[in-house]
């Protein structure tokens, strides 16, 4: 079966690939636009891009409920172990690791990473997933940076980029990011969760069509796409 990507709201995504549910940044309980709950979402793997509460979210509760492997930078995995999460895999920026469902590589991201209790969350990350049927780049919370061009040179089938502004790239810089990454398709995220980061996703998509070589895909929370098709 093809890889399925489901937008759960804000920066949270559920990727089903090779029979594995990979949950990225599961911020659900306090997320006003979340399409599912921490009690219901499936997960064999959780990936955390950085330490902020709207990304770590329900990771501890979900990991304890499901026994999921949690992949994150070293500092976050150390913190998770202090929260009672034993099944972790520490990584860091530039490193890759092959799991039985795909390859995970962490990239730089221009942001912060302090954990909800003020602990050190290490450096923020983006993540590249190399799967049997394509490659996904989740830029996570970030500002624009020119090394996105290097990430794109790997050949990205689907990119996920923030457009909300204020805390991350806004629409203008996100267009520049798409041109640097040059993915086949791109999904906007990290917008419309709260008024402070409200944006017109459809208007941004029209700009992507006219100003880049990529095809935009605007998902509402709960909507899905296949990695290789719309």
Foldseek 3Di string as FASTA:
>chain_A
DFWKWAFQAFLWIWIQFPNFTEIFQPAAPPFPQGPDHLVPDDHQEYEFQAADCSRCHCVLVNCVVHVHEYEYAPQVVVVSVVVVNDRYDHDDAQDWDADPFWIKHWHAAAAAHQHPVRDHTDGGTWIWTQGPVFIETENDAHEADLCLLVVLVVAHQEYEEEAQPPRGNHLVRVLVSCQSNVHQEYEYHNAPSDPSRHDDRVVSQVCNVVPHNHHYDYDRRGDMDGSVGD
